[in-house]
Amino acid sequence: LSCVKAGEVISIDVIALRTPIFVKVFGSFATLMFVQARGWPYVITFWGVFDILTLYGRNAFARHWLFWQDLIDMCNDQNPAADFLHG
């Protein structure tokens, strides 16, 4: 959630409102719609996009968020039930 909120601040508050980049690339109507989507519409949309980008595939992070630790067996490769989505 914090990555999405940081992306919102950077993309809307800094790039869309303080520079003419968005207006030149997307036009005034699309920029206005993007700025109006600030808040929950932005968070819900880009949280889903961020989840798909980070959790898709068979890499170690997508299978177990805490794959690097060995203390909790439920969160590393010792847990055989973690692959029920990919099985």
PDB file of N, CA and C in Angstrom:
ATOM      1  N   LEU A   1       0.828  -1.195   0.000  1.00  0.00           N
ATOM      2  CA  LEU A   1       0.000   0.000   0.000  1.00  0.00           C
ATOM      3  C   LEU A   1       0.869   1.253   0.000  1.00  0.00           C
ATOM      4  N   SER A   2       1.975   1.211   0.706  1.00  0.00           N
ATOM      5  CA  SER A   2       2.829   2.395   0.751  1.00  0.00           C
ATOM      6  C   SER A   2       3.496   2.663  -0.599  1.00  0.00           C
ATOM      7  N   CYS A   3       3.809   1.601  -1.347  1.00  0.00           N
ATOM      8  CA  CYS A   3       4.371   1.800  -2.689  1.00  0.00           C
ATOM      9  C   CYS A   3       3.352   2.448  -3.613  1.00  0.00           C
ATOM     10  N   VAL A   4       2.099   2.055  -3.482  1.00  0.00           N
ATOM     11  CA  VAL A   4       1.042   2.620  -4.318  1.00  0.00           C
ATOM     12  C   VAL A   4       0.793   4.081  -3.938  1.00  0.00           C
ATOM     13  N   LYS A   5       0.777   4.380  -2.646  1.00  0.00           N
ATOM     14  CA  LYS A   5       0.583   5.765  -2.216  1.00  0.00           C
ATOM     15  C   LYS A   5       1.757   6.645  -2.656  1.00  0.00           C
ATOM     16  N   ALA A   6       2.966   6.110  -2.605  1.00  0.00           N
ATOM     17  CA  ALA A   6       4.125   6.859  -3.082  1.00  0.00           C
ATOM     18  C   ALA A   6       4.025   7.098  -4.589  1.00  0.00           C
ATOM     19  N   GLY A   7       3.557   6.094  -5.324  1.00  0.00           N
ATOM     20  CA  GLY A   7       3.337   6.269  -6.757  1.00  0.00           C
ATOM     21  C   GLY A   7       2.272   7.307  -7.051  1.00  0.00           C
ATOM     22  N   GLU A   8       1.255   7.358  -6.200  1.00  0.00           N
ATOM     23  CA  GLU A   8       0.212   8.370  -6.367  1.00  0.00           C
ATOM     24  C   GLU A   8       0.772   9.774  -6.168  1.00  0.00           C
ATOM     25  N   VAL A   9       1.572   9.951  -5.153  1.00  0.00           N
ATOM     26  CA  VAL A   9       2.164  11.272  -4.895  1.00  0.00           C
ATOM     27  C   VAL A   9       3.076  11.671  -6.045  1.00  0.00           C
ATOM     28  N   ILE A  10       3.901  10.738  -6.499  1.00  0.00           N
ATOM     29  CA  ILE A  10       4.835  11.065  -7.578  1.00  0.00           C
ATOM     30  C   ILE A  10       4.098  11.328  -8.890  1.00  0.00           C
ATOM     31  N   SER A  11       3.175  10.436  -9.254  1.00  0.00           N
ATOM     32  CA  SER A  11       2.536  10.572 -10.567  1.00  0.00           C
ATOM     33  C   SER A  11       1.505  11.685 -10.618  1.00  0.00           C
ATOM     34  N   ILE A  12       0.711  11.852  -9.565  1.00  0.00           N
ATOM     35  CA  ILE A  12      -0.331  12.882  -9.620  1.00  0.00           C
ATOM     36  C   ILE A  12       0.177  14.218  -9.105  1.00  0.00           C
ATOM     37  N   ASP A  13       0.660  14.241  -7.865  1.00  0.00           N
ATOM     38  CA  ASP A  13       1.031  15.521  -7.258  1.00  0.00           C
ATOM     39  C   ASP A  13       2.243  16.161  -7.917  1.00  0.00           C
ATOM     40  N   VAL A  14       3.219  15.361  -8.302  1.00  0.00           N
ATOM     41  CA  VAL A  14       4.437  15.938  -8.857  1.00  0.00           C
ATOM     42  C   VAL A  14       4.361  16.050 -10.375  1.00  0.00           C
ATOM     43  N   ILE A  15       4.147  14.922 -11.061  1.00  0.00           N
ATOM     44  CA  ILE A  15       4.231  14.938 -12.531  1.00  0.00           C
ATOM     45  C   ILE A  15       2.995  15.556 -13.182  1.00  0.00           C
ATOM     46  N   ALA A  16       1.799  15.140 -12.756  1.00  0.00           N
ATOM     47  CA  ALA A  16       0.584  15.612 -13.435  1.00  0.00           C
ATOM     48  C   ALA A  16       0.245  17.057 -13.098  1.00  0.00           C
ATOM     49  N   LEU A  17       0.492  17.475 -11.862  1.00  0.00           N
ATOM     50  CA  LEU A  17       0.065  18.818 -11.467  1.00  0.00           C
ATOM     51  C   LEU A  17       1.164  19.872 -11.553  1.00  0.00           C
ATOM     52  N   ARG A  18       2.421  19.480 -11.503  1.00  0.00           N
ATOM     53  CA  ARG A  18       3.489  20.483 -11.475  1.00  0.00           C
ATOM     54  C   ARG A  18       4.294  20.569 -12.760  1.00  0.00           C
ATOM     55  N   THR A  19       4.107  19.627 -13.669  1.00  0.00           N
ATOM     56  CA  THR A  19       4.832  19.674 -14.931  1.00  0.00           C
ATOM     57  C   THR A  19       3.841  19.523 -16.081  1.00  0.00           C
ATOM     58  N   PRO A  20       4.194  20.004 -17.260  1.00  0.00           N
ATOM     59  CA  PRO A  20       3.289  19.875 -18.416  1.00  0.00           C
ATOM     60  C   PRO A  20       3.431  18.536 -19.148  1.00  0.00           C
ATOM     61  N   ILE A  21       4.142  17.572 -18.575  1.00  0.00           N
ATOM     62  CA  ILE A  21       4.394  16.307 -19.264  1.00  0.00           C
ATOM     63  C   ILE A  21       3.094  15.553 -19.540  1.00  0.00           C
ATOM     64  N   PHE A  22       2.239  15.405 -18.525  1.00  0.00           N
ATOM     65  CA  PHE A  22       0.988  14.657 -18.708  1.00  0.00           C
ATOM     66  C   PHE A  22       0.088  15.307 -19.749  1.00  0.00           C
ATOM     67  N   VAL A  23      -0.001  16.613 -19.727  1.00  0.00           N
ATOM     68  CA  VAL A  23      -0.866  17.309 -20.684  1.00  0.00           C
ATOM     69  C   VAL A  23      -0.353  17.127 -22.103  1.00  0.00           C
ATOM     70  N   LYS A  24       0.963  17.175 -22.273  1.00  0.00           N
ATOM     71  CA  LYS A  24       1.530  17.008 -23.614  1.00  0.00           C
ATOM     72  C   LYS A  24       1.378  15.578 -24.117  1.00  0.00           C
ATOM     73  N   VAL A  25       1.533  14.588 -23.224  1.00  0.00           N
ATOM     74  CA  VAL A  25       1.494  13.192 -23.652  1.00  0.00           C
ATOM     75  C   VAL A  25       0.062  12.684 -23.790  1.00  0.00           C
ATOM     76  N   PHE A  26      -0.785  12.946 -22.791  1.00  0.00           N
ATOM     77  CA  PHE A  26      -2.129  12.357 -22.756  1.00  0.00           C
ATOM     78  C   PHE A  26      -3.236  13.321 -23.147  1.00  0.00           C
ATOM     79  N   GLY A  27      -2.975  14.595 -23.154  1.00  0.00           N
ATOM     80  CA  GLY A  27      -4.006  15.575 -23.451  1.00  0.00           C
ATOM     81  C   GLY A  27      -4.643  16.094 -22.170  1.00  0.00           C
ATOM     82  N   SER A  28      -5.381  17.181 -22.305  1.00  0.00           N
ATOM     83  CA  SER A  28      -5.936  17.822 -21.116  1.00  0.00           C
ATOM     84  C   SER A  28      -7.062  17.013 -20.487  1.00  0.00           C
ATOM     85  N   PHE A  29      -7.909  16.374 -21.289  1.00  0.00           N
ATOM     86  CA  PHE A  29      -9.028  15.601 -20.729  1.00  0.00           C
ATOM     87  C   PHE A  29      -8.537  14.385 -19.952  1.00  0.00           C
ATOM     88  N   ALA A  30      -7.610  13.628 -20.517  1.00  0.00           N
ATOM     89  CA  ALA A  30      -7.083  12.448 -19.823  1.00  0.00           C
ATOM     90  C   ALA A  30      -6.319  12.847 -18.563  1.00  0.00           C
ATOM     91  N   THR A  31      -5.593  13.958 -18.612  1.00  0.00           N
ATOM     92  CA  THR A  31      -4.891  14.429 -17.420  1.00  0.00           C
ATOM     93  C   THR A  31      -5.871  14.821 -16.332  1.00  0.00           C
ATOM     94  N   LEU A  32      -6.939  15.487 -16.704  1.00  0.00           N
ATOM     95  CA  LEU A  32      -7.961  15.857 -15.735  1.00  0.00           C
ATOM     96  C   LEU A  32      -8.614  14.621 -15.120  1.00  0.00           C
ATOM     97  N   MET A  33      -8.919  13.619 -15.919  1.00  0.00           N
ATOM     98  CA  MET A  33      -9.504  12.383 -15.396  1.00  0.00           C
ATOM     99  C   MET A  33      -8.527  11.661 -14.473  1.00  0.00           C
ATOM    100  N   PHE A  34      -7.259  11.676 -14.801  1.00  0.00           N
ATOM    101  CA  PHE A  34      -6.237  11.035 -13.971  1.00  0.00           C
ATOM    102  C   PHE A  34      -6.111  11.749 -12.629  1.00  0.00           C
ATOM    103  N   VAL A  35      -6.139  13.065 -12.639  1.00  0.00           N
ATOM    104  CA  VAL A  35      -6.043  13.825 -11.392  1.00  0.00           C
ATOM    105  C   VAL A  35      -7.306  13.631 -10.552  1.00  0.00           C
ATOM    106  N   GLN A  36      -8.455  13.535 -11.185  1.00  0.00           N
ATOM    107  CA  GLN A  36      -9.703  13.326 -10.448  1.00  0.00           C
ATOM    108  C   GLN A  36      -9.787  11.932  -9.833  1.00  0.00           C
ATOM    109  N   ALA A  37      -8.992  10.990 -10.327  1.00  0.00           N
ATOM    110  CA  ALA A  37      -8.993   9.625  -9.780  1.00  0.00           C
ATOM    111  C   ALA A  37      -8.095   9.510  -8.556  1.00  0.00           C
ATOM    112  N   ARG A  38      -7.645  10.601  -8.035  1.00  0.00           N
ATOM    113  CA  ARG A  38      -6.791  10.601  -6.845  1.00  0.00           C
ATOM    114  C   ARG A  38      -7.558  10.009  -5.666  1.00  0.00           C
ATOM    115  N   GLY A  39      -6.852   9.255  -4.853  1.00  0.00           N
ATOM    116  CA  GLY A  39      -7.483   8.635  -3.682  1.00  0.00           C
ATOM    117  C   GLY A  39      -7.770   7.168  -3.929  1.00  0.00           C
ATOM    118  N   TRP A  40      -8.932   6.705  -3.496  1.00  0.00           N
ATOM    119  CA  TRP A  40      -9.257   5.280  -3.568  1.00  0.00           C
ATOM    120  C   TRP A  40      -9.317   4.716  -4.982  1.00  0.00           C
ATOM    121  N   PRO A  41      -9.836   5.427  -5.988  1.00  0.00           N
ATOM    122  CA  PRO A  41      -9.792   4.841  -7.343  1.00  0.00           C
ATOM    123  C   PRO A  41      -8.364   4.550  -7.807  1.00  0.00           C
ATOM    124  N   TYR A  42      -7.448   5.454  -7.527  1.00  0.00           N
ATOM    125  CA  TYR A  42      -6.050   5.248  -7.895  1.00  0.00           C
ATOM    126  C   TYR A  42      -5.450   4.087  -7.109  1.00  0.00           C
ATOM    127  N   VAL A  43      -5.690   4.070  -5.798  1.00  0.00           N
ATOM    128  CA  VAL A  43      -5.111   3.042  -4.939  1.00  0.00           C
ATOM    129  C   VAL A  43      -5.600   1.657  -5.334  1.00  0.00           C
ATOM    130  N   ILE A  44      -6.900   1.504  -5.547  1.00  0.00           N
ATOM    131  CA  ILE A  44      -7.443   0.195  -5.911  1.00  0.00           C
ATOM    132  C   ILE A  44      -6.900  -0.267  -7.259  1.00  0.00           C
ATOM    133  N   THR A  45      -6.863   0.631  -8.236  1.00  0.00           N
ATOM    134  CA  THR A  45      -6.388   0.257  -9.568  1.00  0.00           C
ATOM    135  C   THR A  45      -4.918  -0.138  -9.549  1.00  0.00           C
ATOM    136  N   PHE A  46      -4.086   0.700  -8.980  1.00  0.00           N
ATOM    137  CA  PHE A  46      -2.658   0.441  -9.049  1.00  0.00           C
ATOM    138  C   PHE A  46      -2.185  -0.566  -8.018  1.00  0.00           C
ATOM    139  N   TRP A  47      -2.963  -0.816  -6.966  1.00  0.00           N
ATOM    140  CA  TRP A  47      -2.630  -1.913  -6.064  1.00  0.00           C
ATOM    141  C   TRP A  47      -2.792  -3.234  -6.820  1.00  0.00           C
ATOM    142  N   GLY A  48      -3.866  -3.356  -7.592  1.00  0.00           N
ATOM    143  CA  GLY A  48      -4.056  -4.554  -8.410  1.00  0.00           C
ATOM    144  C   GLY A  48      -2.955  -4.717  -9.444  1.00  0.00           C
ATOM    145  N   VAL A  49      -2.575  -3.640 -10.094  1.00  0.00           N
ATOM    146  CA  VAL A  49      -1.486  -3.699 -11.080  1.00  0.00           C
ATOM    147  C   VAL A  49      -0.173  -4.089 -10.406  1.00  0.00           C
ATOM    148  N   PHE A  50       0.111  -3.495  -9.246  1.00  0.00           N
ATOM    149  CA  PHE A  50       1.340  -3.811  -8.514  1.00  0.00           C
ATOM    150  C   PHE A  50       1.350  -5.266  -8.067  1.00  0.00           C
ATOM    151  N   ASP A  51       0.200  -5.778  -7.598  1.00  0.00           N
ATOM    152  CA  ASP A  51       0.126  -7.177  -7.192  1.00  0.00           C
ATOM    153  C   ASP A  51       0.367  -8.125  -8.359  1.00  0.00           C
ATOM    154  N   ILE A  52      -0.209  -7.825  -9.497  1.00  0.00           N
ATOM    155  CA  ILE A  52      -0.016  -8.679 -10.669  1.00  0.00           C
ATOM    156  C   ILE A  52       1.456  -8.670 -11.098  1.00  0.00           C
ATOM    157  N   LEU A  53       2.077  -7.510 -11.054  1.00  0.00           N
ATOM    158  CA  LEU A  53       3.483  -7.421 -11.465  1.00  0.00           C
ATOM    159  C   LEU A  53       4.418  -8.146 -10.508  1.00  0.00           C
ATOM    160  N   THR A  54       4.119  -8.129  -9.215  1.00  0.00           N
ATOM    161  CA  THR A  54       5.036  -8.748  -8.256  1.00  0.00           C
ATOM    162  C   THR A  54       4.698 -10.184  -7.922  1.00  0.00           C
ATOM    163  N   LEU A  55       3.455 -10.591  -8.066  1.00  0.00           N
ATOM    164  CA  LEU A  55       3.064 -11.921  -7.603  1.00  0.00           C
ATOM    165  C   LEU A  55       2.770 -12.907  -8.728  1.00  0.00           C
ATOM    166  N   TYR A  56       3.004 -12.527  -9.956  1.00  0.00           N
ATOM    167  CA  TYR A  56       2.767 -13.426 -11.069  1.00  0.00           C
ATOM    168  C   TYR A  56       4.027 -14.233 -11.351  1.00  0.00           C
ATOM    169  N   GLY A  57       3.867 -15.490 -11.619  1.00  0.00           N
ATOM    170  CA  GLY A  57       4.997 -16.329 -12.000  1.00  0.00           C
ATOM    171  C   GLY A  57       5.356 -17.347 -10.941  1.00  0.00           C
ATOM    172  N   ARG A  58       6.460 -18.013 -11.172  1.00  0.00           N
ATOM    173  CA  ARG A  58       6.908 -19.063 -10.265  1.00  0.00           C
ATOM    174  C   ARG A  58       8.189 -18.696  -9.539  1.00  0.00           C
ATOM    175  N   ASN A  59       8.500 -17.410  -9.456  1.00  0.00           N
ATOM    176  CA  ASN A  59       9.714 -17.006  -8.757  1.00  0.00           C
ATOM    177  C   ASN A  59       9.534 -17.150  -7.248  1.00  0.00           C
ATOM    178  N   ALA A  60      10.617 -17.029  -6.521  1.00  0.00           N
ATOM    179  CA  ALA A  60      10.587 -17.267  -5.073  1.00  0.00           C
ATOM    180  C   ALA A  60       9.702 -16.257  -4.351  1.00  0.00           C
ATOM    181  N   PHE A  61       9.717 -15.006  -4.750  1.00  0.00           N
ATOM    182  CA  PHE A  61       8.899 -14.002  -4.075  1.00  0.00           C
ATOM    183  C   PHE A  61       7.420 -14.231  -4.299  1.00  0.00           C
ATOM    184  N   ALA A  62       7.030 -14.644  -5.482  1.00  0.00           N
ATOM    185  CA  ALA A  62       5.612 -14.899  -5.750  1.00  0.00           C
ATOM    186  C   ALA A  62       5.104 -16.111  -4.987  1.00  0.00           C
ATOM    187  N   ARG A  63       5.952 -17.075  -4.746  1.00  0.00           N
ATOM    188  CA  ARG A  63       5.538 -18.277  -4.016  1.00  0.00           C
ATOM    189  C   ARG A  63       5.499 -18.053  -2.516  1.00  0.00           C
ATOM    190  N   HIS A  64       6.469 -17.339  -1.984  1.00  0.00           N
ATOM    191  CA  HIS A  64       6.556 -17.069  -0.548  1.00  0.00           C
ATOM    192  C   HIS A  64       7.124 -15.675  -0.344  1.00  0.00           C
ATOM    193  N   TRP A  65       6.357 -14.794   0.268  1.00  0.00           N
ATOM    194  CA  TRP A  65       6.843 -13.442   0.495  1.00  0.00           C
ATOM    195  C   TRP A  65       8.023 -13.418   1.448  1.00  0.00           C
ATOM    196  N   LEU A  66       8.086 -14.364   2.365  1.00  0.00           N
ATOM    197  CA  LEU A  66       9.184 -14.413   3.326  1.00  0.00           C
ATOM    198  C   LEU A  66      10.142 -15.561   3.002  1.00  0.00           C
ATOM    199  N   PHE A  67      10.412 -15.783   1.729  1.00  0.00           N
ATOM    200  CA  PHE A  67      11.211 -16.922   1.286  1.00  0.00           C
ATOM    201  C   PHE A  67      12.643 -16.890   1.807  1.00  0.00           C
ATOM    202  N   TRP A  68      13.156 -15.740   2.170  1.00  0.00           N
ATOM    203  CA  TRP A  68      14.550 -15.579   2.564  1.00  0.00           C
ATOM    204  C   TRP A  68      14.824 -15.995   4.004  1.00  0.00           C
ATOM    205  N   GLN A  69      13.793 -16.217   4.809  1.00  0.00           N
ATOM    206  CA  GLN A  69      14.001 -16.558   6.217  1.00  0.00           C
ATOM    207  C   GLN A  69      13.768 -18.051   6.446  1.00  0.00           C
ATOM    208  N   ASP A  70      14.385 -18.592   7.490  1.00  0.00           N
ATOM    209  CA  ASP A  70      14.248 -20.008   7.814  1.00  0.00           C
ATOM    210  C   ASP A  70      13.578 -20.251   9.157  1.00  0.00           C
ATOM    211  N   LEU A  71      13.181 -19.201   9.851  1.00  0.00           N
ATOM    212  CA  LEU A  71      12.609 -19.347  11.179  1.00  0.00           C
ATOM    213  C   LEU A  71      11.191 -19.908  11.136  1.00  0.00           C
ATOM    214  N   ILE A  72      10.351 -19.386  10.259  1.00  0.00           N
ATOM    215  CA  ILE A  72       8.954 -19.819  10.150  1.00  0.00           C
ATOM    216  C   ILE A  72       8.829 -20.697   8.911  1.00  0.00           C
ATOM    217  N   ASP A  73       8.603 -21.993   9.122  1.00  0.00           N
ATOM    218  CA  ASP A  73       8.539 -22.923   7.985  1.00  0.00           C
ATOM    219  C   ASP A  73       7.332 -22.696   7.094  1.00  0.00           C
ATOM    220  N   MET A  74       6.292 -22.083   7.615  1.00  0.00           N
ATOM    221  CA  MET A  74       5.098 -21.833   6.817  1.00  0.00           C
ATOM    222  C   MET A  74       5.382 -20.846   5.674  1.00  0.00           C
ATOM    223  N   CYS A  75       6.375 -20.004   5.832  1.00  0.00           N
ATOM    224  CA  CYS A  75       6.643 -18.943   4.876  1.00  0.00           C
ATOM    225  C   CYS A  75       7.871 -19.200   4.009  1.00  0.00           C
ATOM    226  N   ASN A  76       8.351 -20.419   3.938  1.00  0.00           N
ATOM    227  CA  ASN A  76       9.473 -20.705   3.048  1.00  0.00           C
ATOM    228  C   ASN A  76       9.178 -21.997   2.280  1.00  0.00           C
ATOM    229  N   ASP A  77      10.162 -22.550   1.634  1.00  0.00           N
ATOM    230  CA  ASP A  77       9.942 -23.727   0.789  1.00  0.00           C
ATOM    231  C   ASP A  77       9.654 -24.998   1.564  1.00  0.00           C
ATOM    232  N   GLN A  78       9.708 -24.971   2.877  1.00  0.00           N
ATOM    233  CA  GLN A  78       9.356 -26.134   3.686  1.00  0.00           C
ATOM    234  C   GLN A  78       7.847 -26.401   3.663  1.00  0.00           C
ATOM    235  N   ASN A  79       7.063 -25.424   3.268  1.00  0.00           N
ATOM    236  CA  ASN A  79       5.606 -25.547   3.248  1.00  0.00           C
ATOM    237  C   ASN A  79       5.155 -26.087   1.897  1.00  0.00           C
ATOM    238  N   PRO A  80       4.730 -27.355   1.815  1.00  0.00           N
ATOM    239  CA  PRO A  80       4.310 -27.899   0.521  1.00  0.00           C
ATOM    240  C   PRO A  80       2.961 -27.372   0.059  1.00  0.00           C
ATOM    241  N   ALA A  81       2.155 -26.812   0.958  1.00  0.00           N
ATOM    242  CA  ALA A  81       0.835 -26.334   0.573  1.00  0.00           C
ATOM    243  C   ALA A  81       0.871 -24.960  -0.083  1.00  0.00           C
ATOM    244  N   ALA A  82       2.012 -24.342  -0.137  1.00  0.00           N
ATOM    245  CA  ALA A  82       2.111 -22.994  -0.709  1.00  0.00           C
ATOM    246  C   ALA A  82       1.945 -22.994  -2.223  1.00  0.00           C
ATOM    247  N   ASP A  83       2.095 -24.128  -2.863  1.00  0.00           N
ATOM    248  CA  ASP A  83       1.957 -24.199  -4.319  1.00  0.00           C
ATOM    249  C   ASP A  83       0.583 -24.665  -4.766  1.00  0.00           C
ATOM    250  N   PHE A  84      -0.441 -24.535  -3.928  1.00  0.00           N
ATOM    251  CA  PHE A  84      -1.758 -25.035  -4.323  1.00  0.00           C
ATOM    252  C   PHE A  84      -2.335 -24.245  -5.500  1.00  0.00           C
ATOM    253  N   LEU A  85      -1.920 -23.006  -5.688  1.00  0.00           N
ATOM    254  CA  LEU A  85      -2.392 -22.252  -6.838  1.00  0.00           C
ATOM    255  C   LEU A  85      -1.715 -22.686  -8.133  1.00  0.00           C
ATOM    256  N   HIS A  86      -0.505 -23.168  -8.029  1.00  0.00           N
ATOM    257  CA  HIS A  86       0.265 -23.533  -9.211  1.00  0.00           C
ATOM    258  C   HIS A  86       0.236 -25.040  -9.491  1.00  0.00           C
ATOM    259  N   GLY A  87      -0.431 -25.806  -8.650  1.00  0.00           N
ATOM    260  CA  GLY A  87      -0.378 -27.254  -8.758  1.00  0.00           C
ATOM    261  C   GLY A  87      -1.276 -27.853  -9.764  1.00  0.00           C
TER     262      GLY A  87
END
